[in-house]
Amino acid sequence: MIGSFTGLNPIIILVSLLIGAKLAGILGLVIAVPLASVIKTLWDNPKAESSRENPSRRKS
C-alpha cells in the first residue's frame, strides 16, 4: 500500500521505520519513510541532480 505510493520496497520501509524509531523515537517514525523516499530519489537520479547544480555539464 505505502510501497506503491513511495516506490520503496516494503523491506526498506520496515528497516527505515526501525532505524527512525531507534534514532529519534516517535518523530523518527514520522519522518522515516519520507526521508527514505527522498534518499531513494536522489540515489536513482544522481545525474539529474548534478546537472541542476552545474548547467554547463548538461548534454544537448
PDB file of N, CA and C in Angstrom:
ATOM      1  N   MET A   1       0.822  -1.183   0.000  1.00  0.00           N
ATOM      2  CA  MET A   1       0.000   0.000   0.000  1.00  0.00           C
ATOM      3  C   MET A   1       0.874   1.258   0.000  1.00  0.00           C
ATOM      4  N   ILE A   2       1.653   1.470   1.027  1.00  0.00           N
ATOM      5  CA  ILE A   2       2.518   2.649   1.058  1.00  0.00           C
ATOM      6  C   ILE A   2       3.709   2.472   0.128  1.00  0.00           C
ATOM      7  N   GLY A   3       4.101   1.230  -0.132  1.00  0.00           N
ATOM      8  CA  GLY A   3       5.211   0.967  -1.037  1.00  0.00           C
ATOM      9  C   GLY A   3       4.909   1.405  -2.458  1.00  0.00           C
ATOM     10  N   SER A   4       3.677   1.213  -2.891  1.00  0.00           N
ATOM     11  CA  SER A   4       3.328   1.649  -4.247  1.00  0.00           C
ATOM     12  C   SER A   4       3.249   3.171  -4.327  1.00  0.00           C
ATOM     13  N   PHE A   5       2.913   3.810  -3.234  1.00  0.00           N
ATOM     14  CA  PHE A   5       2.844   5.278  -3.206  1.00  0.00           C
ATOM     15  C   PHE A   5       4.239   5.898  -3.222  1.00  0.00           C
ATOM     16  N   THR A   6       5.160   5.334  -2.457  1.00  0.00           N
ATOM     17  CA  THR A   6       6.507   5.901  -2.355  1.00  0.00           C
ATOM     18  C   THR A   6       7.482   5.311  -3.358  1.00  0.00           C
ATOM     19  N   GLY A   7       7.188   4.123  -3.879  1.00  0.00           N
ATOM     20  CA  GLY A   7       8.103   3.457  -4.789  1.00  0.00           C
ATOM     21  C   GLY A   7       9.191   2.693  -4.063  1.00  0.00           C
ATOM     22  N   LEU A   8       9.018   2.492  -2.757  1.00  0.00           N
ATOM     23  CA  LEU A   8      10.007   1.784  -1.956  1.00  0.00           C
ATOM     24  C   LEU A   8       9.594   0.335  -1.737  1.00  0.00           C
ATOM     25  N   ASN A   9      10.583  -0.522  -1.642  1.00  0.00           N
ATOM     26  CA  ASN A   9      10.377  -1.920  -1.288  1.00  0.00           C
ATOM     27  C   ASN A   9       9.858  -1.980   0.155  1.00  0.00           C
ATOM     28  N   PRO A  10       8.893  -2.843   0.460  1.00  0.00           N
ATOM     29  CA  PRO A  10       8.377  -2.947   1.827  1.00  0.00           C
ATOM     30  C   PRO A  10       9.452  -3.241   2.873  1.00  0.00           C
ATOM     31  N   ILE A  11      10.481  -3.989   2.500  1.00  0.00           N
ATOM     32  CA  ILE A  11      11.571  -4.261   3.446  1.00  0.00           C
ATOM     33  C   ILE A  11      12.312  -2.957   3.783  1.00  0.00           C
ATOM     34  N   ILE A  12      12.521  -2.118   2.788  1.00  0.00           N
ATOM     35  CA  ILE A  12      13.188  -0.833   3.013  1.00  0.00           C
ATOM     36  C   ILE A  12      12.338   0.045   3.926  1.00  0.00           C
ATOM     37  N   ILE A  13      11.025   0.001   3.756  1.00  0.00           N
ATOM     38  CA  ILE A  13      10.134   0.770   4.621  1.00  0.00           C
ATOM     39  C   ILE A  13      10.254   0.295   6.067  1.00  0.00           C
ATOM     40  N   LEU A  14      10.237  -1.016   6.264  1.00  0.00           N
ATOM     41  CA  LEU A  14      10.361  -1.555   7.625  1.00  0.00           C
ATOM     42  C   LEU A  14      11.698  -1.197   8.257  1.00  0.00           C
ATOM     43  N   VAL A  15      12.767  -1.330   7.495  1.00  0.00           N
ATOM     44  CA  VAL A  15      14.098  -1.005   8.016  1.00  0.00           C
ATOM     45  C   VAL A  15      14.191   0.480   8.344  1.00  0.00           C
ATOM     46  N   SER A  16      13.663   1.326   7.478  1.00  0.00           N
ATOM     47  CA  SER A  16      13.718   2.766   7.749  1.00  0.00           C
ATOM     48  C   SER A  16      12.900   3.118   8.987  1.00  0.00           C
ATOM     49  N   LEU A  17      11.762   2.450   9.188  1.00  0.00           N
ATOM     50  CA  LEU A  17      10.968   2.684  10.394  1.00  0.00           C
ATOM     51  C   LEU A  17      11.715   2.234  11.645  1.00  0.00           C
ATOM     52  N   LEU A  18      12.375   1.091  11.565  1.00  0.00           N
ATOM     53  CA  LEU A  18      13.140   0.614  12.721  1.00  0.00           C
ATOM     54  C   LEU A  18      14.295   1.558  13.053  1.00  0.00           C
ATOM     55  N   ILE A  19      15.007   2.005  12.035  1.00  0.00           N
ATOM     56  CA  ILE A  19      16.127   2.926  12.259  1.00  0.00           C
ATOM     57  C   ILE A  19      15.608   4.267  12.778  1.00  0.00           C
ATOM     58  N   GLY A  20      14.533   4.762  12.181  1.00  0.00           N
ATOM     59  CA  GLY A  20      13.963   6.030  12.629  1.00  0.00           C
ATOM     60  C   GLY A  20      13.502   5.973  14.071  1.00  0.00           C
ATOM     61  N   ALA A  21      12.871   4.868  14.460  1.00  0.00           N
ATOM     62  CA  ALA A  21      12.409   4.713  15.841  1.00  0.00           C
ATOM     63  C   ALA A  21      13.581   4.635  16.809  1.00  0.00           C
ATOM     64  N   LYS A  22      14.630   3.950  16.409  1.00  0.00           N
ATOM     65  CA  LYS A  22      15.804   3.799  17.275  1.00  0.00           C
ATOM     66  C   LYS A  22      16.528   5.131  17.453  1.00  0.00           C
ATOM     67  N   LEU A  23      16.635   5.907  16.373  1.00  0.00           N
ATOM     68  CA  LEU A  23      17.388   7.159  16.437  1.00  0.00           C
ATOM     69  C   LEU A  23      16.595   8.319  17.036  1.00  0.00           C
ATOM     70  N   ALA A  24      15.293   8.407  16.723  1.00  0.00           N
ATOM     71  CA  ALA A  24      14.547   9.605  17.114  1.00  0.00           C
ATOM     72  C   ALA A  24      13.175   9.326  17.707  1.00  0.00           C
ATOM     73  N   GLY A  25      12.876   8.085  18.044  1.00  0.00           N
ATOM     74  CA  GLY A  25      11.593   7.777  18.686  1.00  0.00           C
ATOM     75  C   GLY A  25      10.404   8.013  17.772  1.00  0.00           C
ATOM     76  N   ILE A  26       9.365   8.646  18.329  1.00  0.00           N
ATOM     77  CA  ILE A  26       8.124   8.884  17.575  1.00  0.00           C
ATOM     78  C   ILE A  26       8.383   9.799  16.376  1.00  0.00           C
ATOM     79  N   LEU A  27       9.176  10.829  16.576  1.00  0.00           N
ATOM     80  CA  LEU A  27       9.490  11.726  15.461  1.00  0.00           C
ATOM     81  C   LEU A  27      10.219  10.973  14.351  1.00  0.00           C
ATOM     82  N   GLY A  28      11.085  10.061  14.716  1.00  0.00           N
ATOM     83  CA  GLY A  28      11.782   9.245  13.732  1.00  0.00           C
ATOM     84  C   GLY A  28      10.838   8.379  12.928  1.00  0.00           C
ATOM     85  N   LEU A  29       9.790   7.871  13.581  1.00  0.00           N
ATOM     86  CA  LEU A  29       8.790   7.085  12.858  1.00  0.00           C
ATOM     87  C   LEU A  29       8.031   7.939  11.848  1.00  0.00           C
ATOM     88  N   VAL A  30       7.789   9.177  12.212  1.00  0.00           N
ATOM     89  CA  VAL A  30       7.029  10.068  11.332  1.00  0.00           C
ATOM     90  C   VAL A  30       7.841  10.444  10.097  1.00  0.00           C
ATOM     91  N   ILE A  31       9.133  10.698  10.265  1.00  0.00           N
ATOM     92  CA  ILE A  31       9.924  11.182   9.127  1.00  0.00           C
ATOM     93  C   ILE A  31      10.715  10.085   8.417  1.00  0.00           C
ATOM     94  N   ALA A  32      10.672   8.853   8.905  1.00  0.00           N
ATOM     95  CA  ALA A  32      11.496   7.779   8.338  1.00  0.00           C
ATOM     96  C   ALA A  32      11.155   7.470   6.879  1.00  0.00           C
ATOM     97  N   VAL A  33       9.894   7.274   6.569  1.00  0.00           N
ATOM     98  CA  VAL A  33       9.514   6.879   5.204  1.00  0.00           C
ATOM     99  C   VAL A  33       9.704   8.038   4.217  1.00  0.00           C
ATOM    100  N   PRO A  34       9.271   9.264   4.544  1.00  0.00           N
ATOM    101  CA  PRO A  34       9.560  10.358   3.589  1.00  0.00           C
ATOM    102  C   PRO A  34      11.057  10.562   3.358  1.00  0.00           C
ATOM    103  N   LEU A  35      11.845  10.444   4.413  1.00  0.00           N
ATOM    104  CA  LEU A  35      13.292  10.593   4.262  1.00  0.00           C
ATOM    105  C   LEU A  35      13.868   9.466   3.403  1.00  0.00           C
ATOM    106  N   ALA A  36      13.402   8.245   3.608  1.00  0.00           N
ATOM    107  CA  ALA A  36      13.864   7.125   2.779  1.00  0.00           C
ATOM    108  C   ALA A  36      13.479   7.333   1.319  1.00  0.00           C
ATOM    109  N   SER A  37      12.309   7.891   1.088  1.00  0.00           N
ATOM    110  CA  SER A  37      11.869   8.156  -0.279  1.00  0.00           C
ATOM    111  C   SER A  37      12.734   9.221  -0.945  1.00  0.00           C
ATOM    112  N   VAL A  38      13.099  10.265  -0.205  1.00  0.00           N
ATOM    113  CA  VAL A  38      13.981  11.308  -0.738  1.00  0.00           C
ATOM    114  C   VAL A  38      15.354  10.727  -1.048  1.00  0.00           C
ATOM    115  N   ILE A  39      15.873   9.903  -0.149  1.00  0.00           N
ATOM    116  CA  ILE A  39      17.185   9.288  -0.370  1.00  0.00           C
ATOM    117  C   ILE A  39      17.147   8.402  -1.610  1.00  0.00           C
ATOM    118  N   LYS A  40      16.067   7.634  -1.780  1.00  0.00           N
ATOM    119  CA  LYS A  40      15.941   6.774  -2.961  1.00  0.00           C
ATOM    120  C   LYS A  40      15.891   7.605  -4.238  1.00  0.00           C
ATOM    121  N   THR A  41      15.158   8.706  -4.205  1.00  0.00           N
ATOM    122  CA  THR A  41      15.064   9.573  -5.380  1.00  0.00           C
ATOM    123  C   THR A  41      16.422  10.149  -5.746  1.00  0.00           C
ATOM    124  N   LEU A  42      17.157  10.619  -4.743  1.00  0.00           N
ATOM    125  CA  LEU A  42      18.488  11.159  -5.009  1.00  0.00           C
ATOM    126  C   LEU A  42      19.449  10.079  -5.482  1.00  0.00           C
ATOM    127  N   TRP A  43      19.319   8.885  -4.954  1.00  0.00           N
ATOM    128  CA  TRP A  43      20.192   7.766  -5.337  1.00  0.00           C
ATOM    129  C   TRP A  43      19.908   7.332  -6.778  1.00  0.00           C
ATOM    130  N   ASP A  44      18.631   7.329  -7.169  1.00  0.00           N
ATOM    131  CA  ASP A  44      18.254   6.886  -8.510  1.00  0.00           C
ATOM    132  C   ASP A  44      18.581   7.913  -9.591  1.00  0.00           C
ATOM    133  N   ASN A  45      18.647   9.174  -9.235  1.00  0.00           N
ATOM    134  CA  ASN A  45      18.833  10.234 -10.228  1.00  0.00           C
ATOM    135  C   ASN A  45      20.042  11.112  -9.916  1.00  0.00           C
ATOM    136  N   PRO A  46      21.221  10.560  -9.777  1.00  0.00           N
ATOM    137  CA  PRO A  46      22.366  11.418  -9.439  1.00  0.00           C
ATOM    138  C   PRO A  46      22.754  12.361 -10.575  1.00  0.00           C
ATOM    139  N   LYS A  47      22.573  11.926 -11.823  1.00  0.00           N
ATOM    140  CA  LYS A  47      22.922  12.786 -12.953  1.00  0.00           C
ATOM    141  C   LYS A  47      21.980  13.970 -13.045  1.00  0.00           C
ATOM    142  N   ALA A  48      20.708  13.746 -12.803  1.00  0.00           N
ATOM    143  CA  ALA A  48      19.745  14.841 -12.860  1.00  0.00           C
ATOM    144  C   ALA A  48      20.056  15.882 -11.795  1.00  0.00           C
ATOM    145  N   GLU A  49      20.452  15.457 -10.621  1.00  0.00           N
ATOM    146  CA  GLU A  49      20.785  16.392  -9.551  1.00  0.00           C
ATOM    147  C   GLU A  49      22.059  17.163  -9.883  1.00  0.00           C
ATOM    148  N   SER A  50      23.076  16.510 -10.410  1.00  0.00           N
ATOM    149  CA  SER A  50      24.330  17.204 -10.701  1.00  0.00           C
ATOM    150  C   SER A  50      24.161  18.171 -11.869  1.00  0.00           C
ATOM    151  N   SER A  51      23.287  17.863 -12.815  1.00  0.00           N
ATOM    152  CA  SER A  51      23.100  18.784 -13.937  1.00  0.00           C
ATOM    153  C   SER A  51      22.312  20.013 -13.507  1.00  0.00           C
ATOM    154  N   ARG A  52      21.490  19.895 -12.462  1.00  0.00           N
ATOM    155  CA  ARG A  52      20.803  21.070 -11.943  1.00  0.00           C
ATOM    156  C   ARG A  52      21.785  22.007 -11.251  1.00  0.00           C
ATOM    157  N   GLU A  53      22.773  21.439 -10.582  1.00  0.00           N
ATOM    158  CA  GLU A  53      23.745  22.251  -9.865  1.00  0.00           C
ATOM    159  C   GLU A  53      24.695  22.960 -10.825  1.00  0.00           C
ATOM    160  N   ASN A  54      25.070  22.295 -11.907  1.00  0.00           N
ATOM    161  CA  ASN A  54      26.029  22.859 -12.835  1.00  0.00           C
ATOM    162  C   ASN A  54      25.465  22.759 -14.246  1.00  0.00           C
ATOM    163  N   PRO A  55      24.778  23.801 -14.713  1.00  0.00           N
ATOM    164  CA  PRO A  55      24.128  23.741 -16.029  1.00  0.00           C
ATOM    165  C   PRO A  55      25.087  23.513 -17.185  1.00  0.00           C
ATOM    166  N   SER A  56      26.351  23.837 -17.035  1.00  0.00           N
ATOM    167  CA  SER A  56      27.302  23.663 -18.129  1.00  0.00           C
ATOM    168  C   SER A  56      27.611  22.198 -18.385  1.00  0.00           C
ATOM    169  N   ARG A  57      27.268  21.293 -17.445  1.00  0.00           N
ATOM    170  CA  ARG A  57      27.539  19.867 -17.617  1.00  0.00           C
ATOM    171  C   ARG A  57      26.441  19.159 -18.407  1.00  0.00           C
ATOM    172  N   ARG A  58      25.364  19.865 -18.720  1.00  0.00           N
ATOM    173  CA  ARG A  58      24.267  19.230 -19.466  1.00  0.00           C
ATOM    174  C   ARG A  58      24.686  18.919 -20.886  1.00  0.00           C
ATOM    175  N   LYS A  59      24.193  17.800 -21.386  1.00  0.00           N
ATOM    176  CA  LYS A  59      24.437  17.440 -22.774  1.00  0.00           C
ATOM    177  C   LYS A  59      23.239  17.842 -23.596  1.00  0.00           C
ATOM    178  N   SER A  60      23.455  18.483 -24.708  1.00  0.00           N
ATOM    179  CA  SER A  60      22.337  18.925 -25.550  1.00  0.00           C
ATOM    180  C   SER A  60      22.158  17.998 -26.709  1.00  0.00           C
TER     181      SER A  60
END
